[in-house]
């Protein structure tokens, strides 16, 4: 059981925009009871995420993001199992008012 140090696992996926940096990536959250169910309580990860959020220098932010990824290999909040790509097609009868979004949306469509 988890209460005795056991493991629990589930599969999930996010859009790339949801996991672009340590602040947005819910997999790196180690905020105890505010994190996902079963996620760790890790002050060092939260300090790295906080420093990342407050840092204005892009080079230093990149170094902090790398440090957070390295630290994640020690606390193992998640194990990436791969990538997937959604395949889509559209007919010439459908036009888009805006450029295509990098994720699925149902607005800005028009049928000719």
PDB file of N, CA and C in Angstrom:
ATOM      1  N   UNK A   1       0.818  -1.214   0.000  1.00  0.00           N
ATOM      2  CA  UNK A   1       0.000   0.000   0.000  1.00  0.00           C
ATOM      3  C   UNK A   1       0.861   1.277   0.000  1.00  0.00           C
ATOM      4  N   UNK A   2       0.316   2.336  -0.551  1.00  0.00           N
ATOM      5  CA  UNK A   2       1.025   3.610  -0.594  1.00  0.00           C
ATOM      6  C   UNK A   2       1.373   4.073   0.809  1.00  0.00           C
ATOM      7  N   UNK A   3       0.480   3.847   1.762  1.00  0.00           N
ATOM      8  CA  UNK A   3       0.713   4.283   3.143  1.00  0.00           C
ATOM      9  C   UNK A   3       1.934   3.622   3.766  1.00  0.00           C
ATOM     10  N   UNK A   4       2.390   2.525   3.158  1.00  0.00           N
ATOM     11  CA  UNK A   4       3.571   1.821   3.660  1.00  0.00           C
ATOM     12  C   UNK A   4       4.765   1.987   2.723  1.00  0.00           C
ATOM     13  N   UNK A   5       4.738   3.027   1.889  1.00  0.00           N
ATOM     14  CA  UNK A   5       5.858   3.306   0.984  1.00  0.00           C
ATOM     15  C   UNK A   5       5.725   2.677  -0.384  1.00  0.00           C
ATOM     16  N   UNK A   6       4.572   2.090  -0.688  1.00  0.00           N
ATOM     17  CA  UNK A   6       4.357   1.469  -1.993  1.00  0.00           C
ATOM     18  C   UNK A   6       4.174   2.498  -3.098  1.00  0.00           C
ATOM     19  N   UNK A   7       3.995   2.012  -4.298  1.00  0.00           N
ATOM     20  CA  UNK A   7       3.875   2.871  -5.469  1.00  0.00           C
ATOM     21  C   UNK A   7       2.459   2.863  -6.023  1.00  0.00           C
ATOM     22  N   UNK A   8       2.154   3.923  -6.731  1.00  0.00           N
ATOM     23  CA  UNK A   8       0.908   4.028  -7.453  1.00  0.00           C
ATOM     24  C   UNK A   8       1.254   4.662  -8.799  1.00  0.00           C
ATOM     25  N   UNK A   9       0.622   4.239  -9.868  1.00  0.00           N
ATOM     26  CA  UNK A   9       0.961   4.778 -11.188  1.00  0.00           C
ATOM     27  C   UNK A   9      -0.301   4.958 -12.018  1.00  0.00           C
ATOM     28  N   UNK A  10      -0.232   5.922 -12.937  1.00  0.00           N
ATOM     29  CA  UNK A  10      -1.289   6.105 -13.918  1.00  0.00           C
ATOM     30  C   UNK A  10      -0.677   6.742 -15.151  1.00  0.00           C
ATOM     31  N   UNK A  11      -1.336   6.614 -16.273  1.00  0.00           N
ATOM     32  CA  UNK A  11      -0.836   7.227 -17.502  1.00  0.00           C
ATOM     33  C   UNK A  11      -1.640   8.479 -17.785  1.00  0.00           C
ATOM     34  N   UNK A  12      -0.983   9.439 -18.367  1.00  0.00           N
ATOM     35  CA  UNK A  12      -1.626  10.698 -18.728  1.00  0.00           C
ATOM     36  C   UNK A  12      -0.798  11.357 -19.821  1.00  0.00           C
ATOM     37  N   UNK A  13      -1.329  12.374 -20.421  1.00  0.00           N
ATOM     38  CA  UNK A  13      -0.560  13.138 -21.409  1.00  0.00           C
ATOM     39  C   UNK A  13      -0.977  14.599 -21.339  1.00  0.00           C
ATOM     40  N   UNK A  14      -0.087  15.446 -21.740  1.00  0.00           N
ATOM     41  CA  UNK A  14      -0.317  16.885 -21.751  1.00  0.00           C
ATOM     42  C   UNK A  14       0.111  17.430 -23.095  1.00  0.00           C
ATOM     43  N   UNK A  15      -0.428  18.568 -23.451  1.00  0.00           N
ATOM     44  CA  UNK A  15       0.049  19.273 -24.632  1.00  0.00           C
ATOM     45  C   UNK A  15       1.429  19.842 -24.324  1.00  0.00           C
ATOM     46  N   UNK A  16       2.241  19.975 -25.329  1.00  0.00           N
ATOM     47  CA  UNK A  16       3.603  20.479 -25.131  1.00  0.00           C
ATOM     48  C   UNK A  16       3.610  21.842 -24.450  1.00  0.00           C
ATOM     49  N   UNK A  17       2.636  22.678 -24.735  1.00  0.00           N
ATOM     50  CA  UNK A  17       2.586  24.001 -24.116  1.00  0.00           C
ATOM     51  C   UNK A  17       2.395  23.927 -22.607  1.00  0.00           C
ATOM     52  N   UNK A  18       1.818  22.832 -22.119  1.00  0.00           N
ATOM     53  CA  UNK A  18       1.568  22.674 -20.686  1.00  0.00           C
ATOM     54  C   UNK A  18       2.811  22.304 -19.898  1.00  0.00           C
ATOM     55  N   UNK A  19       3.855  21.860 -20.574  1.00  0.00           N
ATOM     56  CA  UNK A  19       5.034  21.370 -19.856  1.00  0.00           C
ATOM     57  C   UNK A  19       6.321  22.029 -20.336  1.00  0.00           C
ATOM     58  N   UNK A  20       6.227  23.280 -20.786  1.00  0.00           N
ATOM     59  CA  UNK A  20       7.381  23.935 -21.395  1.00  0.00           C
ATOM     60  C   UNK A  20       8.463  24.367 -20.416  1.00  0.00           C
ATOM     61  N   UNK A  21       8.145  24.560 -19.170  1.00  0.00           N
ATOM     62  CA  UNK A  21       9.170  24.963 -18.209  1.00  0.00           C
ATOM     63  C   UNK A  21       8.810  24.444 -16.814  1.00  0.00           C
ATOM     64  N   UNK A  22       9.743  24.536 -15.866  1.00  0.00           N
ATOM     65  CA  UNK A  22       9.493  23.979 -14.529  1.00  0.00           C
ATOM     66  C   UNK A  22       8.286  24.561 -13.801  1.00  0.00           C
ATOM     67  N   UNK A  23       7.892  25.779 -14.106  1.00  0.00           N
ATOM     68  CA  UNK A  23       6.735  26.364 -13.427  1.00  0.00           C
ATOM     69  C   UNK A  23       5.419  25.830 -13.983  1.00  0.00           C
ATOM     70  N   UNK A  24       5.365  25.611 -15.279  1.00  0.00           N
ATOM     71  CA  UNK A  24       4.129  25.145 -15.902  1.00  0.00           C
ATOM     72  C   UNK A  24       3.961  23.636 -15.814  1.00  0.00           C
ATOM     73  N   UNK A  25       5.046  22.922 -15.723  1.00  0.00           N
ATOM     74  CA  UNK A  25       5.005  21.460 -15.767  1.00  0.00           C
ATOM     75  C   UNK A  25       4.435  20.879 -14.471  1.00  0.00           C
ATOM     76  N   UNK A  26       3.196  20.359 -14.510  1.00  0.00           N
ATOM     77  CA  UNK A  26       2.599  19.819 -13.280  1.00  0.00           C
ATOM     78  C   UNK A  26       3.322  18.581 -12.770  1.00  0.00           C
ATOM     79  N   UNK A  27       4.078  17.904 -13.631  1.00  0.00           N
ATOM     80  CA  UNK A  27       4.819  16.725 -13.197  1.00  0.00           C
ATOM     81  C   UNK A  27       5.943  17.085 -12.228  1.00  0.00           C
ATOM     82  N   UNK A  28       6.454  18.299 -12.304  1.00  0.00           N
ATOM     83  CA  UNK A  28       7.558  18.704 -11.428  1.00  0.00           C
ATOM     84  C   UNK A  28       7.077  19.299 -10.109  1.00  0.00           C
ATOM     85  N   UNK A  29       5.792  19.501  -9.964  1.00  0.00           N
ATOM     86  CA  UNK A  29       5.267  20.058  -8.717  1.00  0.00           C
ATOM     87  C   UNK A  29       5.500  19.068  -7.576  1.00  0.00           C
ATOM     88  N   UNK A  30       6.134  19.542  -6.528  1.00  0.00           N
ATOM     89  CA  UNK A  30       6.399  18.714  -5.343  1.00  0.00           C
ATOM     90  C   UNK A  30       5.931  19.494  -4.122  1.00  0.00           C
ATOM     91  N   UNK A  31       4.699  19.980  -4.213  1.00  0.00           N
ATOM     92  CA  UNK A  31       4.143  20.902  -3.223  1.00  0.00           C
ATOM     93  C   UNK A  31       3.279  20.219  -2.166  1.00  0.00           C
ATOM     94  N   UNK A  32       3.641  19.008  -1.840  1.00  0.00           N
ATOM     95  CA  UNK A  32       2.953  18.269  -0.774  1.00  0.00           C
ATOM     96  C   UNK A  32       1.471  18.093  -1.088  1.00  0.00           C
ATOM     97  N   UNK A  33       0.619  18.574  -0.221  1.00  0.00           N
ATOM     98  CA  UNK A  33      -0.819  18.374  -0.392  1.00  0.00           C
ATOM     99  C   UNK A  33      -1.416  19.212  -1.518  1.00  0.00           C
ATOM    100  N   UNK A  34      -0.660  20.155  -2.085  1.00  0.00           N
ATOM    101  CA  UNK A  34      -1.157  20.968  -3.193  1.00  0.00           C
ATOM    102  C   UNK A  34      -0.801  20.355  -4.545  1.00  0.00           C
ATOM    103  N   UNK A  35       0.031  19.332  -4.544  1.00  0.00           N
ATOM    104  CA  UNK A  35       0.448  18.671  -5.787  1.00  0.00           C
ATOM    105  C   UNK A  35      -0.571  17.603  -6.177  1.00  0.00           C
ATOM    106  N   UNK A  36      -0.300  16.925  -7.262  1.00  0.00           N
ATOM    107  CA  UNK A  36      -1.154  15.829  -7.715  1.00  0.00           C
ATOM    108  C   UNK A  36      -1.182  14.735  -6.648  1.00  0.00           C
ATOM    109  N   UNK A  37      -2.238  13.954  -6.600  1.00  0.00           N
ATOM    110  CA  UNK A  37      -2.303  12.869  -5.609  1.00  0.00           C
ATOM    111  C   UNK A  37      -1.097  11.931  -5.744  1.00  0.00           C
ATOM    112  N   UNK A  38      -0.434  11.680  -4.636  1.00  0.00           N
ATOM    113  CA  UNK A  38       0.717  10.789  -4.632  1.00  0.00           C
ATOM    114  C   UNK A  38       2.040  11.451  -4.967  1.00  0.00           C
ATOM    115  N   UNK A  39       2.010  12.730  -5.337  1.00  0.00           N
ATOM    116  CA  UNK A  39       3.254  13.414  -5.697  1.00  0.00           C
ATOM    117  C   UNK A  39       4.040  13.729  -4.427  1.00  0.00           C
ATOM    118  N   UNK A  40       5.351  13.891  -4.564  1.00  0.00           N
ATOM    119  CA  UNK A  40       6.178  14.074  -3.378  1.00  0.00           C
ATOM    120  C   UNK A  40       6.094  15.469  -2.762  1.00  0.00           C
ATOM    121  N   UNK A  41       6.636  15.545  -1.592  1.00  0.00           N
ATOM    122  CA  UNK A  41       6.821  16.794  -0.874  1.00  0.00           C
ATOM    123  C   UNK A  41       8.322  17.023  -0.913  1.00  0.00           C
ATOM    124  N   UNK A  42       8.795  17.945  -1.739  1.00  0.00           N
ATOM    125  CA  UNK A  42      10.231  18.114  -1.907  1.00  0.00           C
ATOM    126  C   UNK A  42      10.586  19.595  -1.915  1.00  0.00           C
ATOM    127  N   UNK A  43      11.171  20.061  -0.834  1.00  0.00           N
ATOM    128  CA  UNK A  43      11.504  21.483  -0.687  1.00  0.00           C
ATOM    129  C   UNK A  43      12.539  21.934  -1.710  1.00  0.00           C
ATOM    130  N   UNK A  44      13.481  21.070  -2.067  1.00  0.00           N
ATOM    131  CA  UNK A  44      14.514  21.461  -3.028  1.00  0.00           C
ATOM    132  C   UNK A  44      13.921  21.715  -4.410  1.00  0.00           C
ATOM    133  N   UNK A  45      13.011  20.852  -4.855  1.00  0.00           N
ATOM    134  CA  UNK A  45      12.373  21.068  -6.160  1.00  0.00           C
ATOM    135  C   UNK A  45      11.566  22.360  -6.145  1.00  0.00           C
ATOM    136  N   UNK A  46      10.839  22.591  -5.074  1.00  0.00           N
ATOM    137  CA  UNK A  46      10.041  23.811  -4.993  1.00  0.00           C
ATOM    138  C   UNK A  46      10.923  25.053  -4.946  1.00  0.00           C
ATOM    139  N   UNK A  47      12.085  24.967  -4.312  1.00  0.00           N
ATOM    140  CA  UNK A  47      13.026  26.101  -4.298  1.00  0.00           C
ATOM    141  C   UNK A  47      13.553  26.360  -5.705  1.00  0.00           C
ATOM    142  N   UNK A  48      13.854  25.294  -6.459  1.00  0.00           N
ATOM    143  CA  UNK A  48      14.319  25.455  -7.846  1.00  0.00           C
ATOM    144  C   UNK A  48      13.233  26.091  -8.703  1.00  0.00           C
ATOM    145  N   UNK A  49      12.005  25.640  -8.553  1.00  0.00           N
ATOM    146  CA  UNK A  49      10.893  26.202  -9.331  1.00  0.00           C
ATOM    147  C   UNK A  49      10.664  27.667  -8.966  1.00  0.00           C
ATOM    148  N   UNK A  50      10.793  27.987  -7.701  1.00  0.00           N
ATOM    149  CA  UNK A  50      10.629  29.367  -7.246  1.00  0.00           C
ATOM    150  C   UNK A  50      11.731  30.254  -7.814  1.00  0.00           C
ATOM    151  N   UNK A  51      12.971  29.786  -7.763  1.00  0.00           N
ATOM    152  CA  UNK A  51      14.097  30.559  -8.325  1.00  0.00           C
ATOM    153  C   UNK A  51      13.903  30.749  -9.829  1.00  0.00           C
ATOM    154  N   UNK A  52      13.422  29.709 -10.514  1.00  0.00           N
ATOM    155  CA  UNK A  52      13.155  29.808 -11.946  1.00  0.00           C
ATOM    156  C   UNK A  52      12.121  30.905 -12.222  1.00  0.00           C
ATOM    157  N   UNK A  53      11.062  30.934 -11.444  1.00  0.00           N
ATOM    158  CA  UNK A  53       9.986  31.911 -11.644  1.00  0.00           C
ATOM    159  C   UNK A  53      10.463  33.340 -11.415  1.00  0.00           C
ATOM    160  N   UNK A  54      11.390  33.529 -10.507  1.00  0.00           N
ATOM    161  CA  UNK A  54      11.850  34.878 -10.165  1.00  0.00           C
ATOM    162  C   UNK A  54      13.029  35.358 -11.007  1.00  0.00           C
ATOM    163  N   UNK A  55      13.671  34.452 -11.731  1.00  0.00           N
ATOM    164  CA  UNK A  55      14.865  34.801 -12.503  1.00  0.00           C
ATOM    165  C   UNK A  55      14.483  35.473 -13.819  1.00  0.00           C
ATOM    166  N   UNK A  56      15.138  36.586 -14.135  1.00  0.00           N
ATOM    167  CA  UNK A  56      14.860  37.313 -15.366  1.00  0.00           C
ATOM    168  C   UNK A  56      15.844  37.024 -16.489  1.00  0.00           C
ATOM    169  N   UNK A  57      17.017  36.528 -16.165  1.00  0.00           N
ATOM    170  CA  UNK A  57      18.060  36.256 -17.161  1.00  0.00           C
ATOM    171  C   UNK A  57      17.773  34.914 -17.843  1.00  0.00           C
ATOM    172  N   UNK A  58      17.559  34.923 -19.170  1.00  0.00           N
ATOM    173  CA  UNK A  58      17.232  33.679 -19.878  1.00  0.00           C
ATOM    174  C   UNK A  58      18.284  32.578 -19.700  1.00  0.00           C
ATOM    175  N   UNK A  59      19.546  32.924 -19.683  1.00  0.00           N
ATOM    176  CA  UNK A  59      20.596  31.917 -19.520  1.00  0.00           C
ATOM    177  C   UNK A  59      20.522  31.278 -18.133  1.00  0.00           C
ATOM    178  N   UNK A  60      20.255  32.084 -17.123  1.00  0.00           N
ATOM    179  CA  UNK A  60      20.133  31.546 -15.759  1.00  0.00           C
ATOM    180  C   UNK A  60      18.857  30.715 -15.613  1.00  0.00           C
ATOM    181  N   UNK A  61      17.787  31.153 -16.289  1.00  0.00           N
ATOM    182  CA  UNK A  61      16.539  30.366 -16.261  1.00  0.00           C
ATOM    183  C   UNK A  61      16.765  28.992 -16.891  1.00  0.00           C
ATOM    184  N   UNK A  62      17.521  28.961 -17.997  1.00  0.00           N
ATOM    185  CA  UNK A  62      17.814  27.689 -18.651  1.00  0.00           C
ATOM    186  C   UNK A  62      18.611  26.787 -17.709  1.00  0.00           C
ATOM    187  N   UNK A  63      19.600  27.349 -17.033  1.00  0.00           N
ATOM    188  CA  UNK A  63      20.405  26.561 -16.091  1.00  0.00           C
ATOM    189  C   UNK A  63      19.535  26.016 -14.955  1.00  0.00           C
ATOM    190  N   UNK A  64      18.596  26.822 -14.466  1.00  0.00           N
ATOM    191  CA  UNK A  64      17.697  26.368 -13.402  1.00  0.00           C
ATOM    192  C   UNK A  64      16.753  25.273 -13.905  1.00  0.00           C
ATOM    193  N   UNK A  65      16.290  25.399 -15.152  1.00  0.00           N
ATOM    194  CA  UNK A  65      15.423  24.369 -15.731  1.00  0.00           C
ATOM    195  C   UNK A  65      16.179  23.045 -15.849  1.00  0.00           C
ATOM    196  N   UNK A  66      17.422  23.114 -16.265  1.00  0.00           N
ATOM    197  CA  UNK A  66      18.252  21.909 -16.348  1.00  0.00           C
ATOM    198  C   UNK A  66      18.460  21.316 -14.961  1.00  0.00           C
ATOM    199  N   UNK A  67      18.731  22.171 -13.993  1.00  0.00           N
ATOM    200  CA  UNK A  67      18.921  21.710 -12.614  1.00  0.00           C
ATOM    201  C   UNK A  67      17.652  21.027 -12.086  1.00  0.00           C
ATOM    202  N   UNK A  68      16.491  21.583 -12.413  1.00  0.00           N
ATOM    203  CA  UNK A  68      15.232  20.970 -11.981  1.00  0.00           C
ATOM    204  C   UNK A  68      15.057  19.593 -12.622  1.00  0.00           C
ATOM    205  N   UNK A  69      15.405  19.459 -13.905  1.00  0.00           N
ATOM    206  CA  UNK A  69      15.299  18.156 -14.568  1.00  0.00           C
ATOM    207  C   UNK A  69      16.254  17.142 -13.936  1.00  0.00           C
ATOM    208  N   UNK A  70      17.464  17.592 -13.608  1.00  0.00           N
ATOM    209  CA  UNK A  70      18.425  16.690 -12.959  1.00  0.00           C
ATOM    210  C   UNK A  70      17.908  16.282 -11.582  1.00  0.00           C
ATOM    211  N   UNK A  71      17.384  17.237 -10.835  1.00  0.00           N
ATOM    212  CA  UNK A  71      16.858  16.909  -9.510  1.00  0.00           C
ATOM    213  C   UNK A  71      15.683  15.938  -9.619  1.00  0.00           C
ATOM    214  N   UNK A  72      14.883  16.085 -10.676  1.00  0.00           N
ATOM    215  CA  UNK A  72      13.757  15.174 -10.864  1.00  0.00           C
ATOM    216  C   UNK A  72      14.210  13.725 -11.028  1.00  0.00           C
ATOM    217  N   UNK A  73      15.414  13.509 -11.565  1.00  0.00           N
ATOM    218  CA  UNK A  73      15.905  12.128 -11.696  1.00  0.00           C
ATOM    219  C   UNK A  73      16.220  11.529 -10.326  1.00  0.00           C
ATOM    220  N   UNK A  74      16.351  12.369  -9.311  1.00  0.00           N
ATOM    221  CA  UNK A  74      16.611  11.892  -7.952  1.00  0.00           C
ATOM    222  C   UNK A  74      15.314  11.614  -7.188  1.00  0.00           C
ATOM    223  N   UNK A  75      14.301  12.451  -7.394  1.00  0.00           N
ATOM    224  CA  UNK A  75      13.046  12.260  -6.653  1.00  0.00           C
ATOM    225  C   UNK A  75      11.992  11.520  -7.485  1.00  0.00           C
ATOM    226  N   UNK A  76      12.176  11.430  -8.792  1.00  0.00           N
ATOM    227  CA  UNK A  76      11.334  10.691  -9.741  1.00  0.00           C
ATOM    228  C   UNK A  76       9.844  10.985  -9.554  1.00  0.00           C
ATOM    229  N   UNK A  77       9.450  12.176  -9.960  1.00  0.00           N
ATOM    230  CA  UNK A  77       8.027  12.506  -9.926  1.00  0.00           C
ATOM    231  C   UNK A  77       7.276  11.841 -11.071  1.00  0.00           C
ATOM    232  N   UNK A  78       7.984  11.592 -12.171  1.00  0.00           N
ATOM    233  CA  UNK A  78       7.348  10.973 -13.333  1.00  0.00           C
ATOM    234  C   UNK A  78       8.414  10.334 -14.218  1.00  0.00           C
ATOM    235  N   UNK A  79       7.977   9.449 -15.080  1.00  0.00           N
ATOM    236  CA  UNK A  79       8.871   8.798 -16.036  1.00  0.00           C
ATOM    237  C   UNK A  79       8.262   8.972 -17.420  1.00  0.00           C
ATOM    238  N   UNK A  80       8.836   9.847 -18.259  1.00  0.00           N
ATOM    239  CA  UNK A  80       8.292  10.024 -19.607  1.00  0.00           C
ATOM    240  C   UNK A  80       8.385   8.710 -20.387  1.00  0.00           C
ATOM    241  N   UNK A  81       7.289   8.316 -20.985  1.00  0.00           N
ATOM    242  CA  UNK A  81       7.249   7.052 -21.714  1.00  0.00           C
ATOM    243  C   UNK A  81       7.301   7.250 -23.221  1.00  0.00           C
ATOM    244  N   UNK A  82       7.367   8.481 -23.677  1.00  0.00           N
ATOM    245  CA  UNK A  82       7.447   8.722 -25.112  1.00  0.00           C
ATOM    246  C   UNK A  82       6.598   9.907 -25.524  1.00  0.00           C
ATOM    247  N   UNK A  83       6.488  10.076 -26.818  1.00  0.00           N
ATOM    248  CA  UNK A  83       5.711  11.164 -27.398  1.00  0.00           C
ATOM    249  C   UNK A  83       4.679  10.573 -28.351  1.00  0.00           C
ATOM    250  N   UNK A  84       3.638  11.324 -28.584  1.00  0.00           N
ATOM    251  CA  UNK A  84       2.658  10.919 -29.580  1.00  0.00           C
ATOM    252  C   UNK A  84       2.223  12.165 -30.335  1.00  0.00           C
ATOM    253  N   UNK A  85       1.769  11.948 -31.528  1.00  0.00           N
ATOM    254  CA  UNK A  85       1.322  13.039 -32.386  1.00  0.00           C
ATOM    255  C   UNK A  85      -0.079  12.728 -32.878  1.00  0.00           C
ATOM    256  N   UNK A  86      -0.960  13.688 -32.732  1.00  0.00           N
ATOM    257  CA  UNK A  86      -2.305  13.521 -33.254  1.00  0.00           C
ATOM    258  C   UNK A  86      -2.316  13.780 -34.749  1.00  0.00           C
ATOM    259  N   UNK A  87      -2.949  12.922 -35.472  1.00  0.00           N
ATOM    260  CA  UNK A  87      -3.046  13.073 -36.921  1.00  0.00           C
ATOM    261  C   UNK A  87      -4.389  13.719 -37.230  1.00  0.00           C
ATOM    262  N   UNK A  88      -4.388  14.687 -38.109  1.00  0.00           N
ATOM    263  CA  UNK A  88      -5.643  15.326 -38.469  1.00  0.00           C
ATOM    264  C   UNK A  88      -5.669  15.618 -39.964  1.00  0.00           C
ATOM    265  N   UNK A  89      -6.855  15.824 -40.450  1.00  0.00           N
ATOM    266  CA  UNK A  89      -7.047  16.172 -41.855  1.00  0.00           C
ATOM    267  C   UNK A  89      -8.221  17.140 -41.924  1.00  0.00           C
ATOM    268  N   UNK A  90      -8.298  17.904 -42.989  1.00  0.00           N
ATOM    269  CA  UNK A  90      -9.439  18.799 -43.165  1.00  0.00           C
ATOM    270  C   UNK A  90      -9.807  18.872 -44.637  1.00  0.00           C
ATOM    271  N   UNK A  91     -11.050  19.158 -44.864  1.00  0.00           N
ATOM    272  CA  UNK A  91     -11.548  19.277 -46.220  1.00  0.00           C
ATOM    273  C   UNK A  91     -11.427  20.713 -46.684  1.00  0.00           C
ATOM    274  N   UNK A  92     -11.482  20.899 -47.984  1.00  0.00           N
ATOM    275  CA  UNK A  92     -11.430  22.232 -48.558  1.00  0.00           C
ATOM    276  C   UNK A  92     -12.657  23.067 -48.225  1.00  0.00           C
ATOM    277  N   UNK A  93     -13.737  22.420 -47.751  1.00  0.00           N
ATOM    278  CA  UNK A  93     -14.957  23.137 -47.389  1.00  0.00           C
ATOM    279  C   UNK A  93     -14.831  23.864 -46.052  1.00  0.00           C
ATOM    280  N   UNK A  94     -13.777  23.576 -45.306  1.00  0.00           N
ATOM    281  CA  UNK A  94     -13.608  24.163 -43.988  1.00  0.00           C
ATOM    282  C   UNK A  94     -12.470  25.177 -44.030  1.00  0.00           C
ATOM    283  N   UNK A  95     -12.734  26.368 -43.519  1.00  0.00           N
ATOM    284  CA  UNK A  95     -11.676  27.378 -43.440  1.00  0.00           C
ATOM    285  C   UNK A  95     -11.479  27.774 -41.985  1.00  0.00           C
ATOM    286  N   UNK A  96     -10.311  28.293 -41.686  1.00  0.00           N
ATOM    287  CA  UNK A  96      -9.956  28.702 -40.334  1.00  0.00           C
ATOM    288  C   UNK A  96      -9.747  30.206 -40.315  1.00  0.00           C
ATOM    289  N   UNK A  97     -10.438  30.884 -39.410  1.00  0.00           N
ATOM    290  CA  UNK A  97     -10.319  32.337 -39.320  1.00  0.00           C
ATOM    291  C   UNK A  97      -8.970  32.743 -38.741  1.00  0.00           C
ATOM    292  N   UNK A  98      -8.431  31.921 -37.861  1.00  0.00           N
ATOM    293  CA  UNK A  98      -7.146  32.190 -37.222  1.00  0.00           C
ATOM    294  C   UNK A  98      -6.148  31.125 -37.657  1.00  0.00           C
ATOM    295  N   UNK A  99      -4.848  31.383 -37.488  1.00  0.00           N
ATOM    296  CA  UNK A  99      -3.884  30.311 -37.760  1.00  0.00           C
ATOM    297  C   UNK A  99      -4.196  29.108 -36.859  1.00  0.00           C
ATOM    298  N   UNK A 100      -3.878  27.935 -37.330  1.00  0.00           N
ATOM    299  CA  UNK A 100      -4.134  26.731 -36.548  1.00  0.00           C
ATOM    300  C   UNK A 100      -3.417  26.806 -35.208  1.00  0.00           C
ATOM    301  N   UNK A 101      -4.113  26.452 -34.167  1.00  0.00           N
ATOM    302  CA  UNK A 101      -3.532  26.438 -32.828  1.00  0.00           C
ATOM    303  C   UNK A 101      -2.688  25.173 -32.654  1.00  0.00           C
ATOM    304  N   UNK A 102      -1.715  25.202 -31.733  1.00  0.00           N
ATOM    305  CA  UNK A 102      -0.903  24.006 -31.505  1.00  0.00           C
ATOM    306  C   UNK A 102      -1.628  22.943 -30.682  1.00  0.00           C
ATOM    307  N   UNK A 103      -2.919  23.158 -30.423  1.00  0.00           N
ATOM    308  CA  UNK A 103      -3.729  22.196 -29.693  1.00  0.00           C
ATOM    309  C   UNK A 103      -5.144  22.256 -30.256  1.00  0.00           C
ATOM    310  N   UNK A 104      -5.959  21.285 -29.913  1.00  0.00           N
ATOM    311  CA  UNK A 104      -7.296  21.167 -30.487  1.00  0.00           C
ATOM    312  C   UNK A 104      -8.233  22.267 -29.990  1.00  0.00           C
ATOM    313  N   UNK A 105      -8.783  23.032 -30.921  1.00  0.00           N
ATOM    314  CA  UNK A 105      -9.787  24.049 -30.595  1.00  0.00           C
ATOM    315  C   UNK A 105     -10.926  23.941 -31.601  1.00  0.00           C
ATOM    316  N   UNK A 106     -12.109  24.411 -31.218  1.00  0.00           N
ATOM    317  CA  UNK A 106     -13.273  24.319 -32.101  1.00  0.00           C
ATOM    318  C   UNK A 106     -13.856  25.692 -32.401  1.00  0.00           C
ATOM    319  N   UNK A 107     -13.055  26.731 -32.362  1.00  0.00           N
ATOM    320  CA  UNK A 107     -13.562  28.039 -32.734  1.00  0.00           C
ATOM    321  C   UNK A 107     -12.774  28.553 -33.935  1.00  0.00           C
ATOM    322  N   UNK A 108     -13.313  29.541 -34.599  1.00  0.00           N
ATOM    323  CA  UNK A 108     -12.658  30.098 -35.793  1.00  0.00           C
ATOM    324  C   UNK A 108     -12.847  29.252 -37.033  1.00  0.00           C
ATOM    325  N   UNK A 109     -13.771  28.292 -37.009  1.00  0.00           N
ATOM    326  CA  UNK A 109     -14.014  27.438 -38.170  1.00  0.00           C
ATOM    327  C   UNK A 109     -15.205  27.973 -38.958  1.00  0.00           C
ATOM    328  N   UNK A 110     -15.137  27.784 -40.262  1.00  0.00           N
ATOM    329  CA  UNK A 110     -16.243  28.195 -41.108  1.00  0.00           C
ATOM    330  C   UNK A 110     -16.409  27.183 -42.219  1.00  0.00           C
ATOM    331  N   UNK A 111     -17.631  26.762 -42.471  1.00  0.00           N
ATOM    332  CA  UNK A 111     -17.916  25.844 -43.563  1.00  0.00           C
ATOM    333  C   UNK A 111     -18.347  26.651 -44.770  1.00  0.00           C
ATOM    334  N   UNK A 112     -17.705  26.441 -45.898  1.00  0.00           N
ATOM    335  CA  UNK A 112     -18.023  27.172 -47.127  1.00  0.00           C
ATOM    336  C   UNK A 112     -19.137  26.510 -47.885  1.00  0.00           C
TER     337      UNK A 112
END
